Amino acid sequence: MNMLKAFRVVGYSEGVSFLLLLGIAMPLKYMLDYPMAVTVVGAIHGGLFVLYCMMVVYLKFNQNWSITKAALGILASVLPFGPFVFDAKAVRSQ
């Protein structure tokens, strides 16, 4: 599997984990007093977030991404649905 395909897999995983954290784990914590959900999903999301950001930096140099494209990739990692939009607009067009 090449790095771009691996990045797409990590991007989708990071995006899904973020949505699970925001949409399921946090409501479980604050509405049903079940903080373990955030602990588990948050840890998984945190690892995927770091991996995603590291891959953006790697691809910036390895695939000669512009600084703008790399910055948009990092920005996408902190926005709900961001990795999906970044993949559709910037990665697939490459």
PDB file of N, CA and C in Angstrom:
ATOM      1  N   MET A   1       0.861  -1.175   0.000  1.00  0.00           N
ATOM      2  CA  MET A   1       0.000   0.000   0.000  1.00  0.00           C
ATOM      3  C   MET A   1       0.907   1.237   0.000  1.00  0.00           C
ATOM      4  N   ASN A   2       0.643   2.142  -0.928  1.00  0.00           N
ATOM      5  CA  ASN A   2       1.477   3.340  -0.948  1.00  0.00           C
ATOM      6  C   ASN A   2       1.050   4.320   0.145  1.00  0.00           C
ATOM      7  N   MET A   3       1.882   5.322   0.373  1.00  0.00           N
ATOM      8  CA  MET A   3       1.639   6.250   1.483  1.00  0.00           C
ATOM      9  C   MET A   3       0.358   7.059   1.303  1.00  0.00           C
ATOM     10  N   LEU A   4       0.012   7.408   0.080  1.00  0.00           N
ATOM     11  CA  LEU A   4      -1.200   8.186  -0.147  1.00  0.00           C
ATOM     12  C   LEU A   4      -2.443   7.374   0.214  1.00  0.00           C
ATOM     13  N   LYS A   5      -2.443   6.088  -0.150  1.00  0.00           N
ATOM     14  CA  LYS A   5      -3.565   5.224   0.230  1.00  0.00           C
ATOM     15  C   LYS A   5      -3.611   5.039   1.744  1.00  0.00           C
ATOM     16  N   ALA A   6      -2.454   4.860   2.362  1.00  0.00           N
ATOM     17  CA  ALA A   6      -2.394   4.721   3.817  1.00  0.00           C
ATOM     18  C   ALA A   6      -2.905   5.989   4.487  1.00  0.00           C
ATOM     19  N   PHE A   7      -2.541   7.147   3.928  1.00  0.00           N
ATOM     20  CA  PHE A   7      -3.013   8.418   4.471  1.00  0.00           C
ATOM     21  C   PHE A   7      -4.525   8.523   4.371  1.00  0.00           C
ATOM     22  N   ARG A   8      -5.081   8.078   3.282  1.00  0.00           N
ATOM     23  CA  ARG A   8      -6.540   8.125   3.121  1.00  0.00           C
ATOM     24  C   ARG A   8      -7.221   7.236   4.151  1.00  0.00           C
ATOM     25  N   VAL A   9      -6.670   6.051   4.414  1.00  0.00           N
ATOM     26  CA  VAL A   9      -7.241   5.146   5.419  1.00  0.00           C
ATOM     27  C   VAL A   9      -7.166   5.784   6.806  1.00  0.00           C
ATOM     28  N   VAL A  10      -6.013   6.352   7.133  1.00  0.00           N
ATOM     29  CA  VAL A  10      -5.855   7.003   8.436  1.00  0.00           C
ATOM     30  C   VAL A  10      -6.784   8.212   8.529  1.00  0.00           C
ATOM     31  N   GLY A  11      -6.925   8.965   7.442  1.00  0.00           N
ATOM     32  CA  GLY A  11      -7.815  10.126   7.435  1.00  0.00           C
ATOM     33  C   GLY A  11      -9.259   9.748   7.698  1.00  0.00           C
ATOM     34  N   TYR A  12      -9.728   8.719   7.034  1.00  0.00           N
ATOM     35  CA  TYR A  12     -11.101   8.264   7.276  1.00  0.00           C
ATOM     36  C   TYR A  12     -11.258   7.749   8.705  1.00  0.00           C
ATOM     37  N   SER A  13     -10.280   7.012   9.190  1.00  0.00           N
ATOM     38  CA  SER A  13     -10.349   6.490  10.559  1.00  0.00           C
ATOM     39  C   SER A  13     -10.355   7.629  11.573  1.00  0.00           C
ATOM     40  N   GLU A  14      -9.511   8.628  11.352  1.00  0.00           N
ATOM     41  CA  GLU A  14      -9.444   9.778  12.253  1.00  0.00           C
ATOM     42  C   GLU A  14     -10.763  10.545  12.226  1.00  0.00           C
ATOM     43  N   GLY A  15     -11.313  10.729  11.043  1.00  0.00           N
ATOM     44  CA  GLY A  15     -12.581  11.436  10.917  1.00  0.00           C
ATOM     45  C   GLY A  15     -13.720  10.714  11.609  1.00  0.00           C
ATOM     46  N   VAL A  16     -13.786   9.414  11.435  1.00  0.00           N
ATOM     47  CA  VAL A  16     -14.837   8.613  12.088  1.00  0.00           C
ATOM     48  C   VAL A  16     -14.656   8.637  13.605  1.00  0.00           C
ATOM     49  N   SER A  17     -13.407   8.509  14.063  1.00  0.00           N
ATOM     50  CA  SER A  17     -13.183   8.514  15.514  1.00  0.00           C
ATOM     51  C   SER A  17     -13.565   9.859  16.127  1.00  0.00           C
ATOM     52  N   PHE A  18     -13.325  10.950  15.409  1.00  0.00           N
ATOM     53  CA  PHE A  18     -13.699  12.278  15.905  1.00  0.00           C
ATOM     54  C   PHE A  18     -15.223  12.395  16.004  1.00  0.00           C
ATOM     55  N   LEU A  19     -15.913  11.918  14.978  1.00  0.00           N
ATOM     56  CA  LEU A  19     -17.374  11.967  15.003  1.00  0.00           C
ATOM     57  C   LEU A  19     -17.945  11.081  16.111  1.00  0.00           C
ATOM     58  N   LEU A  20     -17.334   9.921  16.335  1.00  0.00           N
ATOM     59  CA  LEU A  20     -17.764   9.055  17.438  1.00  0.00           C
ATOM     60  C   LEU A  20     -17.533   9.733  18.784  1.00  0.00           C
ATOM     61  N   LEU A  21     -16.397  10.410  18.900  1.00  0.00           N
ATOM     62  CA  LEU A  21     -16.102  11.113  20.146  1.00  0.00           C
ATOM     63  C   LEU A  21     -17.127  12.214  20.405  1.00  0.00           C
ATOM     64  N   LEU A  22     -17.386  13.022  19.378  1.00  0.00           N
ATOM     65  CA  LEU A  22     -18.317  14.135  19.548  1.00  0.00           C
ATOM     66  C   LEU A  22     -19.773  13.686  19.640  1.00  0.00           C
ATOM     67  N   GLY A  23     -20.144  12.707  18.830  1.00  0.00           N
ATOM     68  CA  GLY A  23     -21.552  12.338  18.721  1.00  0.00           C
ATOM     69  C   GLY A  23     -22.036  11.260  19.657  1.00  0.00           C
ATOM     70  N   ILE A  24     -21.133  10.425  20.142  1.00  0.00           N
ATOM     71  CA  ILE A  24     -21.559   9.319  21.007  1.00  0.00           C
ATOM     72  C   ILE A  24     -20.884   9.383  22.378  1.00  0.00           C
ATOM     73  N   ALA A  25     -19.553   9.448  22.384  1.00  0.00           N
ATOM     74  CA  ALA A  25     -18.837   9.362  23.660  1.00  0.00           C
ATOM     75  C   ALA A  25     -19.108  10.556  24.568  1.00  0.00           C
ATOM     76  N   MET A  26     -19.081  11.763  24.015  1.00  0.00           N
ATOM     77  CA  MET A  26     -19.316  12.939  24.863  1.00  0.00           C
ATOM     78  C   MET A  26     -20.754  12.997  25.385  1.00  0.00           C
ATOM     79  N   PRO A  27     -21.770  12.711  24.567  1.00  0.00           N
ATOM     80  CA  PRO A  27     -23.119  12.644  25.152  1.00  0.00           C
ATOM     81  C   PRO A  27     -23.243  11.568  26.234  1.00  0.00           C
ATOM     82  N   LEU A  28     -22.577  10.429  26.047  1.00  0.00           N
ATOM     83  CA  LEU A  28     -22.607   9.399  27.093  1.00  0.00           C
ATOM     84  C   LEU A  28     -21.993   9.927  28.385  1.00  0.00           C
ATOM     85  N   LYS A  29     -20.908  10.670  28.264  1.00  0.00           N
ATOM     86  CA  LYS A  29     -20.245  11.206  29.454  1.00  0.00           C
ATOM     87  C   LYS A  29     -21.111  12.242  30.160  1.00  0.00           C
ATOM     88  N   TYR A  30     -21.631  13.186  29.411  1.00  0.00           N
ATOM     89  CA  TYR A  30     -22.302  14.319  30.049  1.00  0.00           C
ATOM     90  C   TYR A  30     -23.803  14.109  30.279  1.00  0.00           C
ATOM     91  N   MET A  31     -24.437  13.257  29.510  1.00  0.00           N
ATOM     92  CA  MET A  31     -25.876  13.041  29.701  1.00  0.00           C
ATOM     93  C   MET A  31     -26.176  11.812  30.552  1.00  0.00           C
ATOM     94  N   LEU A  32     -25.341  10.794  30.406  1.00  0.00           N
ATOM     95  CA  LEU A  32     -25.597   9.546  31.135  1.00  0.00           C
ATOM     96  C   LEU A  32     -24.531   9.239  32.182  1.00  0.00           C
ATOM     97  N   ASP A  33     -23.645  10.206  32.436  1.00  0.00           N
ATOM     98  CA  ASP A  33     -22.609  10.062  33.455  1.00  0.00           C
ATOM     99  C   ASP A  33     -21.784   8.787  33.254  1.00  0.00           C
ATOM    100  N   TYR A  34     -21.294   8.619  32.027  1.00  0.00           N
ATOM    101  CA  TYR A  34     -20.471   7.459  31.684  1.00  0.00           C
ATOM    102  C   TYR A  34     -19.163   7.952  31.066  1.00  0.00           C
ATOM    103  N   PRO A  35     -18.211   8.379  31.915  1.00  0.00           N
ATOM    104  CA  PRO A  35     -16.974   8.987  31.404  1.00  0.00           C
ATOM    105  C   PRO A  35     -16.017   8.011  30.711  1.00  0.00           C
ATOM    106  N   MET A  36     -16.194   6.723  30.925  1.00  0.00           N
ATOM    107  CA  MET A  36     -15.301   5.743  30.314  1.00  0.00           C
ATOM    108  C   MET A  36     -15.360   5.805  28.793  1.00  0.00           C
ATOM    109  N   ALA A  37     -16.500   6.176  28.247  1.00  0.00           N
ATOM    110  CA  ALA A  37     -16.632   6.254  26.786  1.00  0.00           C
ATOM    111  C   ALA A  37     -15.655   7.267  26.213  1.00  0.00           C
ATOM    112  N   VAL A  38     -15.528   8.421  26.854  1.00  0.00           N
ATOM    113  CA  VAL A  38     -14.596   9.443  26.375  1.00  0.00           C
ATOM    114  C   VAL A  38     -13.153   8.984  26.581  1.00  0.00           C
ATOM    115  N   THR A  39     -12.900   8.277  27.664  1.00  0.00           N
ATOM    116  CA  THR A  39     -11.548   7.783  27.922  1.00  0.00           C
ATOM    117  C   THR A  39     -11.089   6.850  26.810  1.00  0.00           C
ATOM    118  N   VAL A  40     -11.927   5.928  26.430  1.00  0.00           N
ATOM    119  CA  VAL A  40     -11.553   4.937  25.414  1.00  0.00           C
ATOM    120  C   VAL A  40     -11.538   5.558  24.019  1.00  0.00           C
ATOM    121  N   VAL A  41     -12.638   6.167  23.621  1.00  0.00           N
ATOM    122  CA  VAL A  41     -12.724   6.742  22.272  1.00  0.00           C
ATOM    123  C   VAL A  41     -11.748   7.906  22.133  1.00  0.00           C
ATOM    124  N   GLY A  42     -11.568   8.680  23.194  1.00  0.00           N
ATOM    125  CA  GLY A  42     -10.627   9.800  23.160  1.00  0.00           C
ATOM    126  C   GLY A  42      -9.195   9.340  22.955  1.00  0.00           C
ATOM    127  N   ALA A  43      -8.818   8.248  23.596  1.00  0.00           N
ATOM    128  CA  ALA A  43      -7.465   7.716  23.424  1.00  0.00           C
ATOM    129  C   ALA A  43      -7.245   7.215  22.002  1.00  0.00           C
ATOM    130  N   ILE A  44      -8.223   6.530  21.469  1.00  0.00           N
ATOM    131  CA  ILE A  44      -8.118   6.040  20.087  1.00  0.00           C
ATOM    132  C   ILE A  44      -8.037   7.215  19.124  1.00  0.00           C
ATOM    133  N   HIS A  45      -8.915   8.183  19.308  1.00  0.00           N
ATOM    134  CA  HIS A  45      -8.909   9.356  18.446  1.00  0.00           C
ATOM    135  C   HIS A  45      -7.589  10.125  18.568  1.00  0.00           C
ATOM    136  N   GLY A  46      -7.080  10.253  19.770  1.00  0.00           N
ATOM    137  CA  GLY A  46      -5.817  10.963  19.974  1.00  0.00           C
ATOM    138  C   GLY A  46      -4.672  10.326  19.204  1.00  0.00           C
ATOM    139  N   GLY A  47      -4.597   9.016  19.256  1.00  0.00           N
ATOM    140  CA  GLY A  47      -3.552   8.317  18.506  1.00  0.00           C
ATOM    141  C   GLY A  47      -3.700   8.497  17.009  1.00  0.00           C
ATOM    142  N   LEU A  48      -4.926   8.401  16.527  1.00  0.00           N
ATOM    143  CA  LEU A  48      -5.166   8.590  15.093  1.00  0.00           C
ATOM    144  C   LEU A  48      -4.906  10.036  14.666  1.00  0.00           C
ATOM    145  N   PHE A  49      -5.226  10.988  15.531  1.00  0.00           N
ATOM    146  CA  PHE A  49      -4.969  12.398  15.245  1.00  0.00           C
ATOM    147  C   PHE A  49      -3.471  12.652  15.078  1.00  0.00           C
ATOM    148  N   VAL A  50      -2.685  12.136  16.004  1.00  0.00           N
ATOM    149  CA  VAL A  50      -1.229  12.313  15.925  1.00  0.00           C
ATOM    150  C   VAL A  50      -0.686  11.644  14.671  1.00  0.00           C
ATOM    151  N   LEU A  51      -1.129  10.435  14.372  1.00  0.00           N
ATOM    152  CA  LEU A  51      -0.688   9.730  13.172  1.00  0.00           C
ATOM    153  C   LEU A  51      -1.059  10.503  11.912  1.00  0.00           C
ATOM    154  N   TYR A  52      -2.279  11.034  11.868  1.00  0.00           N
ATOM    155  CA  TYR A  52      -2.739  11.819  10.720  1.00  0.00           C
ATOM    156  C   TYR A  52      -1.843  13.044  10.516  1.00  0.00           C
ATOM    157  N   CYS A  53      -1.583  13.767  11.585  1.00  0.00           N
ATOM    158  CA  CYS A  53      -0.740  14.967  11.469  1.00  0.00           C
ATOM    159  C   CYS A  53       0.689  14.612  11.039  1.00  0.00           C
ATOM    160  N   MET A  54       1.218  13.529  11.573  1.00  0.00           N
ATOM    161  CA  MET A  54       2.556  13.088  11.169  1.00  0.00           C
ATOM    162  C   MET A  54       2.585  12.715   9.688  1.00  0.00           C
ATOM    163  N   MET A  55       1.519  12.096   9.213  1.00  0.00           N
ATOM    164  CA  MET A  55       1.464  11.714   7.806  1.00  0.00           C
ATOM    165  C   MET A  55       1.332  12.932   6.897  1.00  0.00           C
ATOM    166  N   VAL A  56       0.618  13.962   7.352  1.00  0.00           N
ATOM    167  CA  VAL A  56       0.533  15.199   6.575  1.00  0.00           C
ATOM    168  C   VAL A  56       1.931  15.785   6.408  1.00  0.00           C
ATOM    169  N   VAL A  57       2.694  15.845   7.494  1.00  0.00           N
ATOM    170  CA  VAL A  57       4.058  16.389   7.428  1.00  0.00           C
ATOM    171  C   VAL A  57       4.927  15.521   6.515  1.00  0.00           C
ATOM    172  N   TYR A  58       4.826  14.219   6.651  1.00  0.00           N
ATOM    173  CA  TYR A  58       5.601  13.321   5.791  1.00  0.00           C
ATOM    174  C   TYR A  58       5.257  13.535   4.315  1.00  0.00           C
ATOM    175  N   LEU A  59       3.961  13.599   4.008  1.00  0.00           N
ATOM    176  CA  LEU A  59       3.534  13.766   2.618  1.00  0.00           C
ATOM    177  C   LEU A  59       3.873  15.147   2.087  1.00  0.00           C
ATOM    178  N   LYS A  60       3.954  16.133   2.953  1.00  0.00           N
ATOM    179  CA  LYS A  60       4.352  17.473   2.520  1.00  0.00           C
ATOM    180  C   LYS A  60       5.735  17.418   1.878  1.00  0.00           C
ATOM    181  N   PHE A  61       6.629  16.663   2.481  1.00  0.00           N
ATOM    182  CA  PHE A  61       7.992  16.570   1.954  1.00  0.00           C
ATOM    183  C   PHE A  61       8.136  15.462   0.915  1.00  0.00           C
ATOM    184  N   ASN A  62       7.494  14.324   1.147  1.00  0.00           N
ATOM    185  CA  ASN A  62       7.641  13.180   0.248  1.00  0.00           C
ATOM    186  C   ASN A  62       6.895  13.366  -1.072  1.00  0.00           C
ATOM    187  N   GLN A  63       5.714  13.975  -1.029  1.00  0.00           N
ATOM    188  CA  GLN A  63       4.908  14.176  -2.239  1.00  0.00           C
ATOM    189  C   GLN A  63       4.966  15.621  -2.726  1.00  0.00           C
ATOM    190  N   ASN A  64       5.834  16.415  -2.125  1.00  0.00           N
ATOM    191  CA  ASN A  64       6.000  17.822  -2.496  1.00  0.00           C
ATOM    192  C   ASN A  64       4.700  18.612  -2.406  1.00  0.00           C
ATOM    193  N   TRP A  65       3.939  18.372  -1.328  1.00  0.00           N
ATOM    194  CA  TRP A  65       2.739  19.170  -1.107  1.00  0.00           C
ATOM    195  C   TRP A  65       3.149  20.601  -0.806  1.00  0.00           C
ATOM    196  N   SER A  66       2.349  21.549  -1.228  1.00  0.00           N
ATOM    197  CA  SER A  66       2.612  22.945  -0.888  1.00  0.00           C
ATOM    198  C   SER A  66       2.363  23.149   0.598  1.00  0.00           C
ATOM    199  N   ILE A  67       2.904  24.226   1.125  1.00  0.00           N
ATOM    200  CA  ILE A  67       2.677  24.536   2.542  1.00  0.00           C
ATOM    201  C   ILE A  67       1.196  24.796   2.786  1.00  0.00           C
ATOM    202  N   THR A  68       0.514  25.347   1.790  1.00  0.00           N
ATOM    203  CA  THR A  68      -0.923  25.603   1.917  1.00  0.00           C
ATOM    204  C   THR A  68      -1.698  24.299   2.017  1.00  0.00           C
ATOM    205  N   LYS A  69      -1.357  23.346   1.167  1.00  0.00           N
ATOM    206  CA  LYS A  69      -2.046  22.052   1.196  1.00  0.00           C
ATOM    207  C   LYS A  69      -1.797  21.330   2.517  1.00  0.00           C
ATOM    208  N   ALA A  70      -0.566  21.389   2.998  1.00  0.00           N
ATOM    209  CA  ALA A  70      -0.251  20.750   4.279  1.00  0.00           C
ATOM    210  C   ALA A  70      -0.989  21.443   5.426  1.00  0.00           C
ATOM    211  N   ALA A  71      -1.042  22.763   5.394  1.00  0.00           N
ATOM    212  CA  ALA A  71      -1.760  23.502   6.445  1.00  0.00           C
ATOM    213  C   ALA A  71      -3.247  23.180   6.412  1.00  0.00           C
ATOM    214  N   LEU A  72      -3.810  23.054   5.229  1.00  0.00           N
ATOM    215  CA  LEU A  72      -5.224  22.681   5.117  1.00  0.00           C
ATOM    216  C   LEU A  72      -5.454  21.266   5.637  1.00  0.00           C
ATOM    217  N   GLY A  73      -4.488  20.381   5.419  1.00  0.00           N
ATOM    218  CA  GLY A  73      -4.583  19.024   5.959  1.00  0.00           C
ATOM    219  C   GLY A  73      -4.596  19.020   7.472  1.00  0.00           C
ATOM    220  N   ILE A  74      -3.741  19.835   8.080  1.00  0.00           N
ATOM    221  CA  ILE A  74      -3.718  19.939   9.539  1.00  0.00           C
ATOM    222  C   ILE A  74      -5.016  20.579  10.046  1.00  0.00           C
ATOM    223  N   LEU A  75      -5.463  21.625   9.364  1.00  0.00           N
ATOM    224  CA  LEU A  75      -6.718  22.272   9.753  1.00  0.00           C
ATOM    225  C   LEU A  75      -7.889  21.287   9.669  1.00  0.00           C
ATOM    226  N   ALA A  76      -7.883  20.457   8.636  1.00  0.00           N
ATOM    227  CA  ALA A  76      -8.960  19.477   8.461  1.00  0.00           C
ATOM    228  C   ALA A  76      -9.037  18.508   9.630  1.00  0.00           C
ATOM    229  N   SER A  77      -7.910  18.253  10.274  1.00  0.00           N
ATOM    230  CA  SER A  77      -7.898  17.282  11.368  1.00  0.00           C
ATOM    231  C   SER A  77      -8.623  17.760  12.613  1.00  0.00           C
ATOM    232  N   VAL A  78      -8.861  19.063  12.727  1.00  0.00           N
ATOM    233  CA  VAL A  78      -9.534  19.577  13.927  1.00  0.00           C
ATOM    234  C   VAL A  78     -10.980  19.982  13.658  1.00  0.00           C
ATOM    235  N   LEU A  79     -11.465  19.764  12.457  1.00  0.00           N
ATOM    236  CA  LEU A  79     -12.841  20.101  12.101  1.00  0.00           C
ATOM    237  C   LEU A  79     -13.663  18.827  11.895  1.00  0.00           C
ATOM    238  N   PRO A  80     -14.882  18.790  12.442  1.00  0.00           N
ATOM    239  CA  PRO A  80     -15.736  17.634  12.144  1.00  0.00           C
ATOM    240  C   PRO A  80     -15.938  17.527  10.625  1.00  0.00           C
ATOM    241  N   PHE A  81     -15.831  16.362  10.104  1.00  0.00           N
ATOM    242  CA  PHE A  81     -15.924  16.055   8.672  1.00  0.00           C
ATOM    243  C   PHE A  81     -14.749  16.608   7.869  1.00  0.00           C
ATOM    244  N   GLY A  82     -13.795  17.254   8.519  1.00  0.00           N
ATOM    245  CA  GLY A  82     -12.652  17.851   7.824  1.00  0.00           C
ATOM    246  C   GLY A  82     -11.818  16.867   7.019  1.00  0.00           C
ATOM    247  N   PRO A  83     -11.441  15.728   7.599  1.00  0.00           N
ATOM    248  CA  PRO A  83     -10.634  14.788   6.814  1.00  0.00           C
ATOM    249  C   PRO A  83     -11.351  14.265   5.565  1.00  0.00           C
ATOM    250  N   PHE A  84     -12.671  14.147   5.640  1.00  0.00           N
ATOM    251  CA  PHE A  84     -13.429  13.664   4.484  1.00  0.00           C
ATOM    252  C   PHE A  84     -13.421  14.707   3.376  1.00  0.00           C
ATOM    253  N   VAL A  85     -13.607  15.970   3.740  1.00  0.00           N
ATOM    254  CA  VAL A  85     -13.603  17.058   2.758  1.00  0.00           C
ATOM    255  C   VAL A  85     -12.200  17.217   2.176  1.00  0.00           C
ATOM    256  N   PHE A  86     -11.175  17.170   3.030  1.00  0.00           N
ATOM    257  CA  PHE A  86      -9.796  17.299   2.547  1.00  0.00           C
ATOM    258  C   PHE A  86      -9.461  16.178   1.580  1.00  0.00           C
ATOM    259  N   ASP A  87      -9.890  14.976   1.896  1.00  0.00           N
ATOM    260  CA  ASP A  87      -9.638  13.841   1.002  1.00  0.00           C
ATOM    261  C   ASP A  87     -10.311  14.063  -0.351  1.00  0.00           C
ATOM    262  N   ALA A  88     -11.553  14.499  -0.329  1.00  0.00           N
ATOM    263  CA  ALA A  88     -12.299  14.681  -1.574  1.00  0.00           C
ATOM    264  C   ALA A  88     -11.731  15.815  -2.415  1.00  0.00           C
ATOM    265  N   LYS A  89     -11.330  16.900  -1.782  1.00  0.00           N
ATOM    266  CA  LYS A  89     -10.898  18.078  -2.521  1.00  0.00           C
ATOM    267  C   LYS A  89      -9.416  18.076  -2.870  1.00  0.00           C
ATOM    268  N   ALA A  90      -8.579  17.605  -1.956  1.00  0.00           N
ATOM    269  CA  ALA A  90      -7.135  17.759  -2.152  1.00  0.00           C
ATOM    270  C   ALA A  90      -6.395  16.467  -2.460  1.00  0.00           C
ATOM    271  N   VAL A  91      -6.791  15.385  -1.840  1.00  0.00           N
ATOM    272  CA  VAL A  91      -6.018  14.154  -1.985  1.00  0.00           C
ATOM    273  C   VAL A  91      -6.401  13.389  -3.230  1.00  0.00           C
ATOM    274  N   ARG A  92      -7.685  13.221  -3.465  1.00  0.00           N
ATOM    275  CA  ARG A  92      -8.126  12.463  -4.647  1.00  0.00           C
ATOM    276  C   ARG A  92      -7.748  13.145  -5.945  1.00  0.00           C
ATOM    277  N   SER A  93      -7.660  14.459  -5.919  1.00  0.00           N
ATOM    278  CA  SER A  93      -7.335  15.195  -7.150  1.00  0.00           C
ATOM    279  C   SER A  93      -5.859  15.084  -7.507  1.00  0.00           C
ATOM    280  N   GLN A  94      -5.066  14.492  -6.613  1.00  0.00           N
ATOM    281  CA  GLN A  94      -3.623  14.398  -6.853  1.00  0.00           C
ATOM    282  C   GLN A  94      -3.292  13.307  -7.830  1.00  0.00           C
TER     283      GLN A  94
END
